Amino acid sequence: MQNEEKRKRIIASVTVAGVILIVVLFVVVICQIVDICVLKARRDRLKYEYEYTMSQIEEGNDWLENFELNEDKIMYQLAIQNGYRPR
């Protein structure tokens, strides 16, 4: 009788431990999925910011090349805007 009772307790405790283990593993998996989603969103945001920055650099380079080609004209226009009066 005692052996059977001990066996039932052992089976019950193993079952409880197994269920707790499964629940903990399930929670860990859910947390990992959430982390992956957050990291993907962050990666996408950083990728967009990188592309935006690169496009701004390209536009800046175009402006710089244009400035270098037309430097005299631009400087003359800026001088006129700032009060320079040609003779």
PDB file of N, CA and C in Angstrom:
ATOM      1  N   MET A   1       0.824  -1.181   0.000  1.00  0.00           N
ATOM      2  CA  MET A   1       0.000   0.000   0.000  1.00  0.00           C
ATOM      3  C   MET A   1       0.871   1.249   0.000  1.00  0.00           C
ATOM      4  N   GLN A   2       1.899   1.255   0.822  1.00  0.00           N
ATOM      5  CA  GLN A   2       2.766   2.422   0.873  1.00  0.00           C
ATOM      6  C   GLN A   2       3.559   2.562  -0.421  1.00  0.00           C
ATOM      7  N   ASN A   3       3.982   1.460  -0.977  1.00  0.00           N
ATOM      8  CA  ASN A   3       4.725   1.512  -2.230  1.00  0.00           C
ATOM      9  C   ASN A   3       3.877   2.111  -3.344  1.00  0.00           C
ATOM     10  N   GLU A   4       2.625   1.695  -3.365  1.00  0.00           N
ATOM     11  CA  GLU A   4       1.713   2.225  -4.392  1.00  0.00           C
ATOM     12  C   GLU A   4       1.476   3.717  -4.173  1.00  0.00           C
ATOM     13  N   GLU A   5       1.347   4.139  -2.954  1.00  0.00           N
ATOM     14  CA  GLU A   5       1.154   5.568  -2.635  1.00  0.00           C
ATOM     15  C   GLU A   5       2.403   6.369  -3.004  1.00  0.00           C
ATOM     16  N   LYS A   6       3.574   5.832  -2.696  1.00  0.00           N
ATOM     17  CA  LYS A   6       4.823   6.491  -3.059  1.00  0.00           C
ATOM     18  C   LYS A   6       4.923   6.612  -4.580  1.00  0.00           C
ATOM     19  N   ARG A   7       4.564   5.550  -5.274  1.00  0.00           N
ATOM     20  CA  ARG A   7       4.630   5.577  -6.730  1.00  0.00           C
ATOM     21  C   ARG A   7       3.686   6.622  -7.295  1.00  0.00           C
ATOM     22  N   LYS A   8       2.491   6.752  -6.752  1.00  0.00           N
ATOM     23  CA  LYS A   8       1.540   7.767  -7.202  1.00  0.00           C
ATOM     24  C   LYS A   8       2.088   9.168  -6.956  1.00  0.00           C
ATOM     25  N   ARG A   9       2.706   9.383  -5.793  1.00  0.00           N
ATOM     26  CA  ARG A   9       3.301  10.693  -5.492  1.00  0.00           C
ATOM     27  C   ARG A   9       4.437  11.018  -6.468  1.00  0.00           C
ATOM     28  N   ILE A  10       5.251  10.003  -6.723  1.00  0.00           N
ATOM     29  CA  ILE A  10       6.370  10.212  -7.649  1.00  0.00           C
ATOM     30  C   ILE A  10       5.832  10.529  -9.045  1.00  0.00           C
ATOM     31  N   ILE A  11       4.850   9.788  -9.491  1.00  0.00           N
ATOM     32  CA  ILE A  11       4.266  10.043 -10.807  1.00  0.00           C
ATOM     33  C   ILE A  11       3.648  11.433 -10.844  1.00  0.00           C
ATOM     34  N   ALA A  12       2.964  11.840  -9.810  1.00  0.00           N
ATOM     35  CA  ALA A  12       2.343  13.165  -9.754  1.00  0.00           C
ATOM     36  C   ALA A  12       3.404  14.265  -9.764  1.00  0.00           C
ATOM     37  N   SER A  13       4.470  14.079  -8.984  1.00  0.00           N
ATOM     38  CA  SER A  13       5.513  15.104  -8.941  1.00  0.00           C
ATOM     39  C   SER A  13       6.265  15.179 -10.269  1.00  0.00           C
ATOM     40  N   VAL A  14       6.512  14.046 -10.921  1.00  0.00           N
ATOM     41  CA  VAL A  14       7.161  14.053 -12.232  1.00  0.00           C
ATOM     42  C   VAL A  14       6.257  14.732 -13.255  1.00  0.00           C
ATOM     43  N   THR A  15       4.973  14.467 -13.187  1.00  0.00           N
ATOM     44  CA  THR A  15       4.023  15.104 -14.106  1.00  0.00           C
ATOM     45  C   THR A  15       4.002  16.616 -13.897  1.00  0.00           C
ATOM     46  N   VAL A  16       3.953  17.052 -12.647  1.00  0.00           N
ATOM     47  CA  VAL A  16       3.963  18.480 -12.346  1.00  0.00           C
ATOM     48  C   VAL A  16       5.260  19.111 -12.828  1.00  0.00           C
ATOM     49  N   ALA A  17       6.380  18.459 -12.578  1.00  0.00           N
ATOM     50  CA  ALA A  17       7.671  18.989 -13.025  1.00  0.00           C
ATOM     51  C   ALA A  17       7.720  19.071 -14.553  1.00  0.00           C
ATOM     52  N   GLY A  18       7.197  18.068 -15.229  1.00  0.00           N
ATOM     53  CA  GLY A  18       7.155  18.082 -16.694  1.00  0.00           C
ATOM     54  C   GLY A  18       6.295  19.210 -17.232  1.00  0.00           C
ATOM     55  N   VAL A  19       5.127  19.404 -16.626  1.00  0.00           N
ATOM     56  CA  VAL A  19       4.237  20.491 -17.060  1.00  0.00           C
ATOM     57  C   VAL A  19       4.898  21.844 -16.813  1.00  0.00           C
ATOM     58  N   ILE A  20       5.524  22.012 -15.665  1.00  0.00           N
ATOM     59  CA  ILE A  20       6.218  23.275 -15.364  1.00  0.00           C
ATOM     60  C   ILE A  20       7.347  23.509 -16.369  1.00  0.00           C
ATOM     61  N   LEU A  21       8.092  22.462 -16.695  1.00  0.00           N
ATOM     62  CA  LEU A  21       9.166  22.578 -17.678  1.00  0.00           C
ATOM     63  C   LEU A  21       8.620  22.997 -19.042  1.00  0.00           C
ATOM     64  N   ILE A  22       7.529  22.372 -19.459  1.00  0.00           N
ATOM     65  CA  ILE A  22       6.922  22.725 -20.746  1.00  0.00           C
ATOM     66  C   ILE A  22       6.457  24.176 -20.746  1.00  0.00           C
ATOM     67  N   VAL A  23       5.842  24.628 -19.665  1.00  0.00           N
ATOM     68  CA  VAL A  23       5.380  26.016 -19.579  1.00  0.00           C
ATOM     69  C   VAL A  23       6.561  26.980 -19.630  1.00  0.00           C
ATOM     70  N   VAL A  24       7.622  26.679 -18.903  1.00  0.00           N
ATOM     71  CA  VAL A  24       8.805  27.547 -18.909  1.00  0.00           C
ATOM     72  C   VAL A  24       9.417  27.600 -20.307  1.00  0.00           C
ATOM     73  N   LEU A  25       9.540  26.467 -20.964  1.00  0.00           N
ATOM     74  CA  LEU A  25      10.083  26.442 -22.321  1.00  0.00           C
ATOM     75  C   LEU A  25       9.191  27.228 -23.286  1.00  0.00           C
ATOM     76  N   PHE A  26       7.897  27.128 -23.128  1.00  0.00           N
ATOM     77  CA  PHE A  26       6.960  27.870 -23.966  1.00  0.00           C
ATOM     78  C   PHE A  26       7.135  29.380 -23.770  1.00  0.00           C
ATOM     79  N   VAL A  27       7.296  29.796 -22.520  1.00  0.00           N
ATOM     80  CA  VAL A  27       7.519  31.216 -22.232  1.00  0.00           C
ATOM     81  C   VAL A  27       8.838  31.684 -22.848  1.00  0.00           C
ATOM     82  N   VAL A  28       9.867  30.870 -22.774  1.00  0.00           N
ATOM     83  CA  VAL A  28      11.160  31.223 -23.370  1.00  0.00           C
ATOM     84  C   VAL A  28      11.021  31.371 -24.883  1.00  0.00           C
ATOM     85  N   VAL A  29      10.308  30.470 -25.521  1.00  0.00           N
ATOM     86  CA  VAL A  29      10.112  30.542 -26.970  1.00  0.00           C
ATOM     87  C   VAL A  29       9.352  31.811 -27.339  1.00  0.00           C
ATOM     88  N   ILE A  30       8.314  32.133 -26.602  1.00  0.00           N
ATOM     89  CA  ILE A  30       7.539  33.353 -26.866  1.00  0.00           C
ATOM     90  C   ILE A  30       8.431  34.582 -26.711  1.00  0.00           C
ATOM     91  N   CYS A  31       9.247  34.623 -25.670  1.00  0.00           N
ATOM     92  CA  CYS A  31      10.155  35.760 -25.473  1.00  0.00           C
ATOM     93  C   CYS A  31      11.142  35.877 -26.630  1.00  0.00           C
ATOM     94  N   GLN A  32      11.654  34.761 -27.108  1.00  0.00           N
ATOM     95  CA  GLN A  32      12.582  34.779 -28.234  1.00  0.00           C
ATOM     96  C   GLN A  32      11.898  35.294 -29.505  1.00  0.00           C
ATOM     97  N   ILE A  33      10.671  34.900 -29.735  1.00  0.00           N
ATOM     98  CA  ILE A  33       9.932  35.370 -30.905  1.00  0.00           C
ATOM     99  C   ILE A  33       9.725  36.883 -30.826  1.00  0.00           C
ATOM    100  N   VAL A  34       9.380  37.370 -29.643  1.00  0.00           N
ATOM    101  CA  VAL A  34       9.199  38.816 -29.469  1.00  0.00           C
ATOM    102  C   VAL A  34      10.524  39.546 -29.710  1.00  0.00           C
ATOM    103  N   ASP A  35      11.612  39.026 -29.175  1.00  0.00           N
ATOM    104  CA  ASP A  35      12.927  39.637 -29.396  1.00  0.00           C
ATOM    105  C   ASP A  35      13.282  39.675 -30.873  1.00  0.00           C
ATOM    106  N   ILE A  36      12.999  38.595 -31.588  1.00  0.00           N
ATOM    107  CA  ILE A  36      13.287  38.553 -33.017  1.00  0.00           C
ATOM    108  C   ILE A  36      12.481  39.609 -33.759  1.00  0.00           C
ATOM    109  N   CYS A  37      11.210  39.751 -33.408  1.00  0.00           N
ATOM    110  CA  CYS A  37      10.369  40.759 -34.063  1.00  0.00           C
ATOM    111  C   CYS A  37      10.886  42.168 -33.785  1.00  0.00           C
ATOM    112  N   VAL A  38      11.287  42.432 -32.559  1.00  0.00           N
ATOM    113  CA  VAL A  38      11.818  43.751 -32.201  1.00  0.00           C
ATOM    114  C   VAL A  38      13.109  44.021 -32.961  1.00  0.00           C
ATOM    115  N   LEU A  39      13.982  43.034 -33.032  1.00  0.00           N
ATOM    116  CA  LEU A  39      15.241  43.213 -33.749  1.00  0.00           C
ATOM    117  C   LEU A  39      15.028  43.399 -35.251  1.00  0.00           C
ATOM    118  N   LYS A  40      14.055  42.710 -35.822  1.00  0.00           N
ATOM    119  CA  LYS A  40      13.756  42.898 -37.246  1.00  0.00           C
ATOM    120  C   LYS A  40      13.260  44.314 -37.500  1.00  0.00           C
ATOM    121  N   ALA A  41      12.392  44.813 -36.620  1.00  0.00           N
ATOM    122  CA  ALA A  41      11.893  46.176 -36.779  1.00  0.00           C
ATOM    123  C   ALA A  41      13.035  47.180 -36.652  1.00  0.00           C
ATOM    124  N   ARG A  42      13.925  46.948 -35.711  1.00  0.00           N
ATOM    125  CA  ARG A  42      15.074  47.841 -35.534  1.00  0.00           C
ATOM    126  C   ARG A  42      15.987  47.787 -36.754  1.00  0.00           C
ATOM    127  N   ARG A  43      16.221  46.582 -37.278  1.00  0.00           N
ATOM    128  CA  ARG A  43      17.049  46.429 -38.471  1.00  0.00           C
ATOM    129  C   ARG A  43      16.437  47.183 -39.652  1.00  0.00           C
ATOM    130  N   ASP A  44      15.129  47.051 -39.825  1.00  0.00           N
ATOM    131  CA  ASP A  44      14.464  47.751 -40.929  1.00  0.00           C
ATOM    132  C   ASP A  44      14.569  49.262 -40.768  1.00  0.00           C
ATOM    133  N   ARG A  45      14.404  49.750 -39.538  1.00  0.00           N
ATOM    134  CA  ARG A  45      14.507  51.188 -39.291  1.00  0.00           C
ATOM    135  C   ARG A  45      15.924  51.688 -39.565  1.00  0.00           C
ATOM    136  N   LEU A  46      16.926  50.930 -39.111  1.00  0.00           N
ATOM    137  CA  LEU A  46      18.318  51.318 -39.354  1.00  0.00           C
ATOM    138  C   LEU A  46      18.663  51.253 -40.838  1.00  0.00           C
ATOM    139  N   LYS A  47      18.111  50.270 -41.542  1.00  0.00           N
ATOM    140  CA  LYS A  47      18.346  50.172 -42.974  1.00  0.00           C
ATOM    141  C   LYS A  47      17.760  51.389 -43.689  1.00  0.00           C
ATOM    142  N   TYR A  48      16.549  51.800 -43.287  1.00  0.00           N
ATOM    143  CA  TYR A  48      15.932  52.979 -43.888  1.00  0.00           C
ATOM    144  C   TYR A  48      16.776  54.221 -43.595  1.00  0.00           C
ATOM    145  N   GLU A  49      17.220  54.379 -42.349  1.00  0.00           N
ATOM    146  CA  GLU A  49      18.042  55.540 -41.993  1.00  0.00           C
ATOM    147  C   GLU A  49      19.358  55.538 -42.763  1.00  0.00           C
ATOM    148  N   TYR A  50      19.954  54.369 -42.960  1.00  0.00           N
ATOM    149  CA  TYR A  50      21.200  54.269 -43.721  1.00  0.00           C
ATOM    150  C   TYR A  50      20.972  54.702 -45.168  1.00  0.00           C
ATOM    151  N   GLU A  51      19.910  54.180 -45.779  1.00  0.00           N
ATOM    152  CA  GLU A  51      19.619  54.545 -47.168  1.00  0.00           C
ATOM    153  C   GLU A  51      19.314  56.033 -47.288  1.00  0.00           C
ATOM    154  N   TYR A  52      18.586  56.582 -46.316  1.00  0.00           N
ATOM    155  CA  TYR A  52      18.272  58.011 -46.338  1.00  0.00           C
ATOM    156  C   TYR A  52      19.561  58.834 -46.221  1.00  0.00           C
ATOM    157  N   THR A  53      20.438  58.426 -45.314  1.00  0.00           N
ATOM    158  CA  THR A  53      21.707  59.139 -45.130  1.00  0.00           C
ATOM    159  C   THR A  53      22.557  59.057 -46.391  1.00  0.00           C
ATOM    160  N   MET A  54      22.604  57.883 -47.009  1.00  0.00           N
ATOM    161  CA  MET A  54      23.382  57.738 -48.239  1.00  0.00           C
ATOM    162  C   MET A  54      22.812  58.615 -49.354  1.00  0.00           C
ATOM    163  N   SER A  55      21.486  58.708 -49.432  1.00  0.00           N
ATOM    164  CA  SER A  55      20.897  59.573 -50.460  1.00  0.00           C
ATOM    165  C   SER A  55      21.214  61.039 -50.173  1.00  0.00           C
ATOM    166  N   GLN A  56      21.234  61.419 -48.894  1.00  0.00           N
ATOM    167  CA  GLN A  56      21.595  62.792 -48.541  1.00  0.00           C
ATOM    168  C   GLN A  56      23.049  63.073 -48.908  1.00  0.00           C
ATOM    169  N   ILE A  57      23.914  62.103 -48.709  1.00  0.00           N
ATOM    170  CA  ILE A  57      25.328  62.267 -49.070  1.00  0.00           C
ATOM    171  C   ILE A  57      25.456  62.429 -50.582  1.00  0.00           C
ATOM    172  N   GLU A  58      24.709  61.608 -51.323  1.00  0.00           N
ATOM    173  CA  GLU A  58      24.753  61.714 -52.781  1.00  0.00           C
ATOM    174  C   GLU A  58      24.266  63.086 -53.241  1.00  0.00           C
ATOM    175  N   GLU A  59      23.176  63.566 -52.640  1.00  0.00           N
ATOM    176  CA  GLU A  59      22.680  64.894 -52.997  1.00  0.00           C
ATOM    177  C   GLU A  59      23.708  65.961 -52.642  1.00  0.00           C
ATOM    178  N   GLY A  60      24.372  65.781 -51.524  1.00  0.00           N
ATOM    179  CA  GLY A  60      25.413  66.720 -51.121  1.00  0.00           C
ATOM    180  C   GLY A  60      26.574  66.710 -52.100  1.00  0.00           C
ATOM    181  N   ASN A  61      26.947  65.537 -52.567  1.00  0.00           N
ATOM    182  CA  ASN A  61      28.028  65.436 -53.544  1.00  0.00           C
ATOM    183  C   ASN A  61      27.632  66.116 -54.848  1.00  0.00           C
ATOM    184  N   ASP A  62      26.370  65.926 -55.260  1.00  0.00           N
ATOM    185  CA  ASP A  62      25.902  66.592 -56.479  1.00  0.00           C
ATOM    186  C   ASP A  62      25.971  68.097 -56.306  1.00  0.00           C
ATOM    187  N   TRP A  63      25.557  68.589 -55.138  1.00  0.00           N
ATOM    188  CA  TRP A  63      25.596  70.030 -54.881  1.00  0.00           C
ATOM    189  C   TRP A  63      27.037  70.524 -54.903  1.00  0.00           C
ATOM    190  N   LEU A  64      27.928  69.757 -54.297  1.00  0.00           N
ATOM    191  CA  LEU A  64      29.339  70.150 -54.245  1.00  0.00           C
ATOM    192  C   LEU A  64      29.943  70.188 -55.651  1.00  0.00           C
ATOM    193  N   GLU A  65      29.646  69.171 -56.456  1.00  0.00           N
ATOM    194  CA  GLU A  65      30.153  69.173 -57.830  1.00  0.00           C
ATOM    195  C   GLU A  65      29.600  70.362 -58.608  1.00  0.00           C
ATOM    196  N   ASN A  66      28.318  70.642 -58.424  1.00  0.00           N
ATOM    197  CA  ASN A  66      27.692  71.783 -59.090  1.00  0.00           C
ATOM    198  C   ASN A  66      28.339  73.083 -58.617  1.00  0.00           C
ATOM    199  N   PHE A  67      28.611  73.171 -57.323  1.00  0.00           N
ATOM    200  CA  PHE A  67      29.251  74.369 -56.779  1.00  0.00           C
ATOM    201  C   PHE A  67      30.647  74.552 -57.371  1.00  0.00           C
ATOM    202  N   GLU A  68      31.394  73.454 -57.449  1.00  0.00           N
ATOM    203  CA  GLU A  68      32.754  73.548 -57.998  1.00  0.00           C
ATOM    204  C   GLU A  68      32.739  73.965 -59.456  1.00  0.00           C
ATOM    205  N   LEU A  69      31.750  73.497 -60.220  1.00  0.00           N
ATOM    206  CA  LEU A  69      31.666  73.867 -61.633  1.00  0.00           C
ATOM    207  C   LEU A  69      31.260  75.330 -61.815  1.00  0.00           C
ATOM    208  N   ASN A  70      30.409  75.828 -60.936  1.00  0.00           N
ATOM    209  CA  ASN A  70      29.858  77.179 -61.080  1.00  0.00           C
ATOM    210  C   ASN A  70      30.243  78.076 -59.914  1.00  0.00           C
ATOM    211  N   GLU A  71      31.409  77.869 -59.369  1.00  0.00           N
ATOM    212  CA  GLU A  71      31.816  78.576 -58.156  1.00  0.00           C
ATOM    213  C   GLU A  71      31.802  80.084 -58.347  1.00  0.00           C
ATOM    214  N   ASP A  72      32.306  80.587 -59.468  1.00  0.00           N
ATOM    215  CA  ASP A  72      32.353  82.036 -59.692  1.00  0.00           C
ATOM    216  C   ASP A  72      30.953  82.637 -59.729  1.00  0.00           C
ATOM    217  N   LYS A  73      30.044  81.971 -60.440  1.00  0.00           N
ATOM    218  CA  LYS A  73      28.669  82.482 -60.541  1.00  0.00           C
ATOM    219  C   LYS A  73      27.983  82.483 -59.173  1.00  0.00           C
ATOM    220  N   ILE A  74      28.168  81.390 -58.422  1.00  0.00           N
ATOM    221  CA  ILE A  74      27.526  81.280 -57.111  1.00  0.00           C
ATOM    222  C   ILE A  74      28.089  82.320 -56.154  1.00  0.00           C
ATOM    223  N   MET A  75      29.404  82.479 -56.147  1.00  0.00           N
ATOM    224  CA  MET A  75      30.011  83.475 -55.266  1.00  0.00           C
ATOM    225  C   MET A  75      29.526  84.886 -55.624  1.00  0.00           C
ATOM    226  N   TYR A  76      29.400  85.181 -56.909  1.00  0.00           N
ATOM    227  CA  TYR A  76      28.916  86.489 -57.353  1.00  0.00           C
ATOM    228  C   TYR A  76      27.474  86.693 -56.882  1.00  0.00           C
ATOM    229  N   GLN A  77      26.624  85.662 -57.025  1.00  0.00           N
ATOM    230  CA  GLN A  77      25.234  85.787 -56.590  1.00  0.00           C
ATOM    231  C   GLN A  77      25.155  85.980 -55.080  1.00  0.00           C
ATOM    232  N   LEU A  78      25.966  85.272 -54.321  1.00  0.00           N
ATOM    233  CA  LEU A  78      25.971  85.436 -52.867  1.00  0.00           C
ATOM    234  C   LEU A  78      26.452  86.831 -52.478  1.00  0.00           C
ATOM    235  N   ALA A  79      27.443  87.346 -53.195  1.00  0.00           N
ATOM    236  CA  ALA A  79      27.930  88.701 -52.911  1.00  0.00           C
ATOM    237  C   ALA A  79      26.832  89.720 -53.171  1.00  0.00           C
ATOM    238  N   ILE A  80      26.096  89.580 -54.261  1.00  0.00           N
ATOM    239  CA  ILE A  80      24.995  90.495 -54.582  1.00  0.00           C
ATOM    240  C   ILE A  80      23.931  90.408 -53.489  1.00  0.00           C
ATOM    241  N   GLN A  81      23.607  89.191 -53.051  1.00  0.00           N
ATOM    242  CA  GLN A  81      22.586  89.011 -52.011  1.00  0.00           C
ATOM    243  C   GLN A  81      23.019  89.640 -50.685  1.00  0.00           C
ATOM    244  N   ASN A  82      24.308  89.707 -50.447  1.00  0.00           N
ATOM    245  CA  ASN A  82      24.808  90.248 -49.183  1.00  0.00           C
ATOM    246  C   ASN A  82      25.237  91.710 -49.284  1.00  0.00           C
ATOM    247  N   GLY A  83      24.790  92.390 -50.326  1.00  0.00           N
ATOM    248  CA  GLY A  83      25.003  93.835 -50.375  1.00  0.00           C
ATOM    249  C   GLY A  83      26.127  94.310 -51.267  1.00  0.00           C
ATOM    250  N   TYR A  84      26.824  93.450 -51.949  1.00  0.00           N
ATOM    251  CA  TYR A  84      27.890  93.878 -52.848  1.00  0.00           C
ATOM    252  C   TYR A  84      27.271  94.572 -54.059  1.00  0.00           C
ATOM    253  N   ARG A  85      27.849  95.717 -54.442  1.00  0.00           N
ATOM    254  CA  ARG A  85      27.383  96.444 -55.590  1.00  0.00           C
ATOM    255  C   ARG A  85      28.498  96.493 -56.634  1.00  0.00           C
ATOM    256  N   PRO A  86      28.227  95.908 -57.804  1.00  0.00           N
ATOM    257  CA  PRO A  86      29.284  95.945 -58.823  1.00  0.00           C
ATOM    258  C   PRO A  86      29.553  97.374 -59.288  1.00  0.00           C
ATOM    259  N   ARG A  87      30.754  97.702 -59.729  1.00  0.00           N
ATOM    260  CA  ARG A  87      31.098  99.042 -60.179  1.00  0.00           C
ATOM    261  C   ARG A  87      30.659  99.291 -61.558  1.00  0.00           C
TER     262      ARG A  87
END
